[in-house]
């Protein structure tokens, strides 16, 4: 089983939040992936930080051995889900939709503490490692 980590889970892991860190110990590092979207969000967090050097180092350490999935292949899933959500009036932010579409396309379990938000997507498998 492989997992796609949402941005918030990446941050929790970088901060060493015990419950989330413990949940990762039962999985191989290569079972935990991120997409380009959380990577962009994490890099933005470093760029706006008052402790850029420290946070850049933490990000580099976190990314060691982490496979980053490109989003190009998931754009059809993104488009169809965005259209469906627009018709039902249950939109979610584009970055989150891209993350969710990546999980659906690659048949990965999305690990997030925002399951209520992502459960709007058809065909998504979710896990919350903060509980």
N, C-alpha and C. Protein backbone atom coordinates (compact mmCIF):
# COMPACT_ATOMS: atom_id res chain seq x y z
N UNK A 1 0.84 -1.17 0.00
CA UNK A 1 0.00 0.00 0.00
C UNK A 1 0.89 1.24 0.00
N UNK A 2 0.50 2.23 -0.77
CA UNK A 2 1.27 3.47 -0.84
C UNK A 2 0.39 4.65 -0.44
N UNK A 3 1.03 5.67 0.07
CA UNK A 3 0.32 6.82 0.62
C UNK A 3 0.81 8.11 -0.04
N UNK A 4 -0.12 9.01 -0.32
CA UNK A 4 0.20 10.35 -0.78
C UNK A 4 0.01 11.28 0.41
N UNK A 5 1.04 12.00 0.77
CA UNK A 5 0.99 12.87 1.94
C UNK A 5 0.52 14.26 1.56
N UNK A 6 -0.50 14.74 2.26
CA UNK A 6 -0.98 16.11 2.10
C UNK A 6 0.06 17.04 2.74
N UNK A 7 0.01 18.28 2.37
CA UNK A 7 0.97 19.27 2.86
C UNK A 7 0.99 19.32 4.39
N UNK A 8 -0.19 19.30 5.01
CA UNK A 8 -0.22 19.40 6.48
C UNK A 8 0.48 18.22 7.14
N UNK A 9 0.39 17.04 6.56
CA UNK A 9 1.07 15.87 7.12
C UNK A 9 2.58 16.01 6.95
N UNK A 10 3.00 16.54 5.81
CA UNK A 10 4.44 16.79 5.60
C UNK A 10 4.97 17.73 6.68
N UNK A 11 4.22 18.78 6.97
CA UNK A 11 4.63 19.75 7.99
C UNK A 11 4.70 19.08 9.36
N UNK A 12 3.70 18.26 9.68
CA UNK A 12 3.71 17.56 10.97
C UNK A 12 4.93 16.65 11.08
N UNK A 13 5.27 15.98 9.98
CA UNK A 13 6.45 15.11 10.00
C UNK A 13 7.73 15.91 10.15
N UNK A 14 7.82 17.04 9.48
CA UNK A 14 9.01 17.88 9.58
C UNK A 14 9.16 18.43 11.00
N UNK A 15 8.04 18.68 11.67
CA UNK A 15 8.08 19.20 13.03
C UNK A 15 8.23 18.09 14.07
N UNK A 16 8.15 16.84 13.61
CA UNK A 16 8.30 15.72 14.53
C UNK A 16 7.11 15.51 15.45
N UNK A 17 5.91 15.83 14.98
CA UNK A 17 4.70 15.61 15.79
C UNK A 17 4.61 14.11 16.09
N UNK A 18 4.64 13.73 17.36
CA UNK A 18 4.81 12.31 17.74
C UNK A 18 3.79 11.35 17.12
N UNK A 19 2.51 11.66 17.17
CA UNK A 19 1.50 10.72 16.67
C UNK A 19 1.69 10.45 15.19
N UNK A 20 1.94 11.49 14.41
CA UNK A 20 2.13 11.33 12.97
C UNK A 20 3.44 10.59 12.69
N UNK A 21 4.49 10.96 13.39
CA UNK A 21 5.78 10.29 13.21
C UNK A 21 5.69 8.80 13.54
N UNK A 22 4.95 8.45 14.58
CA UNK A 22 4.78 7.05 14.96
C UNK A 22 4.06 6.27 13.87
N UNK A 23 3.07 6.89 13.24
CA UNK A 23 2.30 6.21 12.19
C UNK A 23 3.17 5.89 10.99
N UNK A 24 4.18 6.70 10.73
CA UNK A 24 5.04 6.45 9.57
C UNK A 24 5.99 5.29 9.79
N UNK A 25 6.26 4.97 11.06
CA UNK A 25 7.24 3.92 11.36
C UNK A 25 6.80 2.54 10.88
N UNK A 26 5.50 2.35 10.69
CA UNK A 26 5.02 1.04 10.24
C UNK A 26 5.00 0.93 8.71
N UNK A 27 5.51 1.96 8.04
CA UNK A 27 5.53 1.97 6.58
C UNK A 27 6.94 2.29 6.07
N UNK A 28 7.29 1.67 4.97
CA UNK A 28 8.59 1.96 4.35
C UNK A 28 8.59 3.37 3.78
N UNK A 29 9.73 4.00 3.77
CA UNK A 29 9.86 5.36 3.25
C UNK A 29 9.36 5.46 1.80
N UNK A 30 9.60 4.41 1.01
CA UNK A 30 9.19 4.48 -0.39
C UNK A 30 7.69 4.27 -0.59
N UNK A 31 6.96 3.99 0.50
CA UNK A 31 5.50 3.91 0.44
C UNK A 31 4.85 5.27 0.63
N UNK A 32 5.64 6.28 1.01
CA UNK A 32 5.11 7.62 1.27
C UNK A 32 5.60 8.58 0.19
N UNK A 33 4.65 9.10 -0.56
CA UNK A 33 4.95 9.96 -1.69
C UNK A 33 4.31 11.33 -1.48
N UNK A 34 4.80 12.31 -2.21
CA UNK A 34 4.13 13.61 -2.26
C UNK A 34 4.00 13.98 -3.73
N UNK A 35 3.13 14.93 -3.99
CA UNK A 35 3.02 15.45 -5.36
C UNK A 35 3.76 16.79 -5.43
N UNK A 36 3.85 17.31 -6.62
CA UNK A 36 4.52 18.60 -6.80
C UNK A 36 3.80 19.73 -6.07
N UNK A 37 2.51 19.56 -5.80
CA UNK A 37 1.76 20.64 -5.14
C UNK A 37 2.21 20.84 -3.70
N UNK A 38 2.24 19.81 -2.86
CA UNK A 38 2.78 20.03 -1.51
C UNK A 38 4.23 20.51 -1.54
N UNK A 39 5.00 20.02 -2.50
CA UNK A 39 6.39 20.49 -2.60
C UNK A 39 6.41 22.00 -2.82
N UNK A 40 5.57 22.49 -3.73
CA UNK A 40 5.50 23.94 -3.98
C UNK A 40 5.05 24.69 -2.72
N UNK A 41 4.07 24.14 -2.02
CA UNK A 41 3.58 24.79 -0.80
C UNK A 41 4.65 24.80 0.29
N UNK A 42 5.39 23.71 0.41
CA UNK A 42 6.46 23.65 1.41
C UNK A 42 7.58 24.64 1.07
N UNK A 43 7.92 24.73 -0.20
CA UNK A 43 8.95 25.69 -0.62
C UNK A 43 8.49 27.13 -0.37
N UNK A 44 7.22 27.39 -0.59
CA UNK A 44 6.67 28.71 -0.29
C UNK A 44 6.79 29.00 1.22
N UNK A 45 6.47 28.00 2.02
CA UNK A 45 6.59 28.17 3.47
C UNK A 45 8.01 28.52 3.89
N UNK A 46 8.99 27.90 3.27
CA UNK A 46 10.39 28.21 3.55
C UNK A 46 10.70 29.64 3.11
N UNK A 47 10.26 30.01 1.92
CA UNK A 47 10.57 31.34 1.36
C UNK A 47 9.99 32.47 2.20
N UNK A 48 8.83 32.26 2.82
CA UNK A 48 8.22 33.34 3.61
C UNK A 48 8.62 33.29 5.08
N UNK A 49 9.38 32.28 5.46
CA UNK A 49 9.76 32.08 6.85
C UNK A 49 10.79 33.10 7.32
N UNK A 50 10.75 33.40 8.60
CA UNK A 50 11.79 34.23 9.21
C UNK A 50 13.06 33.42 9.47
N UNK A 51 12.94 32.08 9.42
CA UNK A 51 14.08 31.18 9.64
C UNK A 51 14.31 30.35 8.39
N UNK A 52 14.58 31.04 7.28
CA UNK A 52 14.70 30.37 5.98
C UNK A 52 15.76 29.27 5.96
N UNK A 53 16.93 29.55 6.44
CA UNK A 53 18.02 28.57 6.38
C UNK A 53 17.66 27.31 7.17
N UNK A 54 17.15 27.49 8.37
CA UNK A 54 16.78 26.36 9.22
C UNK A 54 15.65 25.54 8.58
N UNK A 55 14.64 26.24 8.05
CA UNK A 55 13.52 25.54 7.45
C UNK A 55 13.88 24.91 6.10
N UNK A 56 14.78 25.51 5.36
CA UNK A 56 15.25 24.92 4.10
C UNK A 56 15.98 23.62 4.39
N UNK A 57 16.78 23.61 5.44
CA UNK A 57 17.49 22.40 5.83
C UNK A 57 16.50 21.32 6.26
N UNK A 58 15.49 21.69 7.03
CA UNK A 58 14.47 20.73 7.46
C UNK A 58 13.73 20.16 6.26
N UNK A 59 13.44 20.99 5.29
CA UNK A 59 12.76 20.52 4.07
C UNK A 59 13.67 19.58 3.29
N UNK A 60 14.93 19.93 3.15
CA UNK A 60 15.87 19.06 2.45
C UNK A 60 15.96 17.69 3.13
N UNK A 61 16.02 17.69 4.46
CA UNK A 61 16.08 16.43 5.20
C UNK A 61 14.81 15.61 4.98
N UNK A 62 13.68 16.29 5.03
CA UNK A 62 12.40 15.60 4.83
C UNK A 62 12.32 14.98 3.43
N UNK A 63 12.81 15.69 2.43
CA UNK A 63 12.70 15.24 1.04
C UNK A 63 13.66 14.11 0.68
N UNK A 64 14.65 13.86 1.53
CA UNK A 64 15.61 12.79 1.25
C UNK A 64 14.87 11.46 1.13
N UNK A 65 14.94 10.88 -0.05
CA UNK A 65 14.30 9.60 -0.29
C UNK A 65 12.81 9.66 -0.58
N UNK A 66 12.22 10.85 -0.57
CA UNK A 66 10.79 10.98 -0.86
C UNK A 66 10.60 11.13 -2.37
N UNK A 67 9.71 10.31 -2.91
CA UNK A 67 9.42 10.40 -4.34
C UNK A 67 8.35 11.46 -4.57
N UNK A 68 8.61 12.38 -5.50
CA UNK A 68 7.68 13.46 -5.82
C UNK A 68 6.99 13.13 -7.14
N UNK A 69 5.67 13.02 -7.10
CA UNK A 69 4.90 12.70 -8.30
C UNK A 69 4.56 13.97 -9.07
N UNK A 70 4.76 13.94 -10.39
CA UNK A 70 4.36 15.09 -11.21
C UNK A 70 2.84 15.15 -11.32
N UNK A 71 2.31 16.33 -11.57
CA UNK A 71 0.85 16.47 -11.65
C UNK A 71 0.31 16.43 -13.07
N UNK A 72 1.18 16.43 -14.07
CA UNK A 72 0.72 16.47 -15.45
C UNK A 72 -0.26 15.37 -15.81
N UNK A 73 -0.01 14.16 -15.34
CA UNK A 73 -0.87 13.02 -15.68
C UNK A 73 -2.25 13.10 -15.04
N UNK A 74 -2.41 13.89 -14.00
CA UNK A 74 -3.67 13.90 -13.25
C UNK A 74 -4.63 15.01 -13.69
N UNK A 75 -4.25 15.77 -14.68
CA UNK A 75 -5.05 16.95 -15.04
C UNK A 75 -6.44 16.62 -15.55
N UNK A 76 -6.62 15.47 -16.19
CA UNK A 76 -7.97 15.08 -16.61
C UNK A 76 -8.86 14.77 -15.42
N UNK A 77 -8.31 14.10 -14.41
CA UNK A 77 -9.07 13.84 -13.18
C UNK A 77 -9.41 15.17 -12.50
N UNK A 78 -8.42 16.06 -12.42
CA UNK A 78 -8.64 17.39 -11.84
C UNK A 78 -9.79 18.09 -12.54
N UNK A 79 -9.76 18.12 -13.88
CA UNK A 79 -10.77 18.85 -14.65
C UNK A 79 -12.16 18.26 -14.45
N UNK A 80 -12.27 16.94 -14.52
CA UNK A 80 -13.60 16.33 -14.39
C UNK A 80 -14.15 16.50 -12.97
N UNK A 81 -13.29 16.36 -11.97
CA UNK A 81 -13.74 16.54 -10.59
C UNK A 81 -14.10 18.01 -10.31
N UNK A 82 -13.32 18.93 -10.85
CA UNK A 82 -13.63 20.35 -10.63
C UNK A 82 -14.98 20.69 -11.27
N UNK A 83 -15.23 20.17 -12.46
CA UNK A 83 -16.52 20.41 -13.12
C UNK A 83 -17.67 19.80 -12.30
N UNK A 84 -17.48 18.58 -11.81
CA UNK A 84 -18.52 17.93 -11.02
C UNK A 84 -18.78 18.69 -9.72
N UNK A 85 -17.72 19.10 -9.05
CA UNK A 85 -17.88 19.85 -7.80
C UNK A 85 -18.52 21.21 -8.04
N UNK A 86 -18.21 21.84 -9.15
CA UNK A 86 -18.83 23.13 -9.49
C UNK A 86 -20.33 22.96 -9.69
N UNK A 87 -20.72 21.88 -10.37
CA UNK A 87 -22.15 21.62 -10.61
C UNK A 87 -22.90 21.40 -9.30
N UNK A 88 -22.23 20.79 -8.33
CA UNK A 88 -22.90 20.51 -7.05
C UNK A 88 -22.71 21.62 -6.02
N UNK A 89 -21.92 22.63 -6.36
CA UNK A 89 -21.69 23.74 -5.43
C UNK A 89 -20.84 23.36 -4.24
N UNK A 90 -19.96 22.39 -4.42
CA UNK A 90 -19.12 21.91 -3.31
C UNK A 90 -17.64 22.02 -3.65
N UNK A 91 -17.24 23.13 -4.20
CA UNK A 91 -15.87 23.35 -4.66
C UNK A 91 -14.86 23.21 -3.52
N UNK A 92 -13.65 22.82 -3.89
CA UNK A 92 -12.51 22.89 -2.98
C UNK A 92 -11.39 23.63 -3.72
N UNK A 93 -10.45 24.14 -2.98
CA UNK A 93 -9.36 24.94 -3.56
C UNK A 93 -8.59 24.11 -4.60
N UNK A 94 -8.12 24.78 -5.64
CA UNK A 94 -7.44 24.11 -6.74
C UNK A 94 -6.23 23.29 -6.29
N UNK A 95 -5.42 23.81 -5.40
CA UNK A 95 -4.26 23.05 -4.94
C UNK A 95 -4.70 21.76 -4.25
N UNK A 96 -5.71 21.85 -3.41
CA UNK A 96 -6.21 20.66 -2.74
C UNK A 96 -6.81 19.69 -3.75
N UNK A 97 -7.51 20.22 -4.72
CA UNK A 97 -8.09 19.38 -5.76
C UNK A 97 -7.00 18.66 -6.56
N UNK A 98 -5.90 19.35 -6.84
CA UNK A 98 -4.78 18.70 -7.53
C UNK A 98 -4.15 17.59 -6.68
N UNK A 99 -4.02 17.84 -5.39
CA UNK A 99 -3.49 16.81 -4.49
C UNK A 99 -4.42 15.61 -4.47
N UNK A 100 -5.71 15.86 -4.30
CA UNK A 100 -6.69 14.78 -4.29
C UNK A 100 -6.74 14.03 -5.61
N UNK A 101 -6.70 14.76 -6.72
CA UNK A 101 -6.72 14.13 -8.04
C UNK A 101 -5.49 13.24 -8.24
N UNK A 102 -4.36 13.64 -7.68
CA UNK A 102 -3.15 12.83 -7.75
C UNK A 102 -3.35 11.51 -7.02
N UNK A 103 -3.96 11.56 -5.85
CA UNK A 103 -4.23 10.34 -5.09
C UNK A 103 -5.18 9.43 -5.87
N UNK A 104 -6.24 10.00 -6.42
CA UNK A 104 -7.22 9.20 -7.17
C UNK A 104 -6.56 8.57 -8.40
N UNK A 105 -5.85 9.37 -9.17
CA UNK A 105 -5.23 8.90 -10.41
C UNK A 105 -4.26 7.74 -10.16
N UNK A 106 -3.44 7.89 -9.13
CA UNK A 106 -2.42 6.88 -8.84
C UNK A 106 -2.91 5.79 -7.88
N UNK A 107 -4.19 5.87 -7.49
CA UNK A 107 -4.78 4.88 -6.57
C UNK A 107 -3.99 4.79 -5.26
N UNK A 108 -3.73 5.95 -4.70
CA UNK A 108 -3.00 6.06 -3.44
C UNK A 108 -3.96 6.50 -2.34
N UNK A 109 -3.65 6.14 -1.11
CA UNK A 109 -4.40 6.64 0.03
C UNK A 109 -3.85 8.02 0.38
N UNK A 110 -4.72 9.02 0.40
CA UNK A 110 -4.30 10.38 0.76
C UNK A 110 -4.31 10.50 2.28
N UNK A 111 -3.16 10.83 2.83
CA UNK A 111 -3.03 11.02 4.27
C UNK A 111 -3.15 12.52 4.54
N UNK A 112 -4.17 12.89 5.31
CA UNK A 112 -4.46 14.29 5.61
C UNK A 112 -5.20 14.38 6.93
N UNK A 113 -5.15 15.53 7.55
CA UNK A 113 -6.02 15.73 8.71
C UNK A 113 -7.23 16.56 8.30
N UNK A 114 -7.47 16.63 7.01
CA UNK A 114 -8.59 17.38 6.45
C UNK A 114 -9.49 16.45 5.64
N UNK A 115 -9.85 15.31 6.21
CA UNK A 115 -10.64 14.33 5.48
C UNK A 115 -12.00 14.86 5.08
N UNK A 116 -12.61 15.68 5.91
CA UNK A 116 -13.93 16.25 5.62
C UNK A 116 -13.90 17.01 4.30
N UNK A 117 -12.82 17.67 4.04
CA UNK A 117 -12.64 18.48 2.83
C UNK A 117 -12.47 17.58 1.61
N UNK A 118 -11.61 16.60 1.71
CA UNK A 118 -11.25 15.76 0.56
C UNK A 118 -12.29 14.68 0.26
N UNK A 119 -13.14 14.35 1.22
CA UNK A 119 -14.10 13.27 0.97
C UNK A 119 -15.12 13.64 -0.11
N UNK A 120 -15.13 14.88 -0.55
CA UNK A 120 -16.02 15.29 -1.65
C UNK A 120 -15.59 14.70 -2.99
N UNK A 121 -14.35 14.22 -3.08
CA UNK A 121 -13.83 13.70 -4.35
C UNK A 121 -14.26 12.26 -4.57
N UNK A 122 -14.71 11.98 -5.77
CA UNK A 122 -15.09 10.61 -6.13
C UNK A 122 -13.86 9.71 -6.18
N UNK A 123 -13.98 8.53 -5.60
CA UNK A 123 -12.94 7.52 -5.72
C UNK A 123 -11.73 7.73 -4.85
N UNK A 124 -11.80 8.63 -3.87
CA UNK A 124 -10.62 8.90 -3.04
C UNK A 124 -10.61 8.00 -1.81
N UNK A 125 -9.44 7.54 -1.45
CA UNK A 125 -9.22 6.76 -0.24
C UNK A 125 -8.44 7.65 0.72
N UNK A 126 -8.97 7.83 1.93
CA UNK A 126 -8.38 8.78 2.88
C UNK A 126 -7.94 8.10 4.17
N UNK A 127 -6.92 8.68 4.78
CA UNK A 127 -6.46 8.27 6.10
C UNK A 127 -6.04 9.52 6.87
N UNK A 128 -6.36 9.54 8.15
CA UNK A 128 -5.96 10.64 9.02
C UNK A 128 -5.01 10.09 10.08
N UNK A 129 -3.73 10.40 9.96
CA UNK A 129 -2.74 9.89 10.90
C UNK A 129 -2.59 10.78 12.13
N UNK A 130 -3.49 11.76 12.29
CA UNK A 130 -3.42 12.64 13.46
C UNK A 130 -4.37 12.17 14.57
N UNK A 131 -5.10 11.10 14.32
CA UNK A 131 -6.07 10.59 15.31
C UNK A 131 -5.62 9.26 15.84
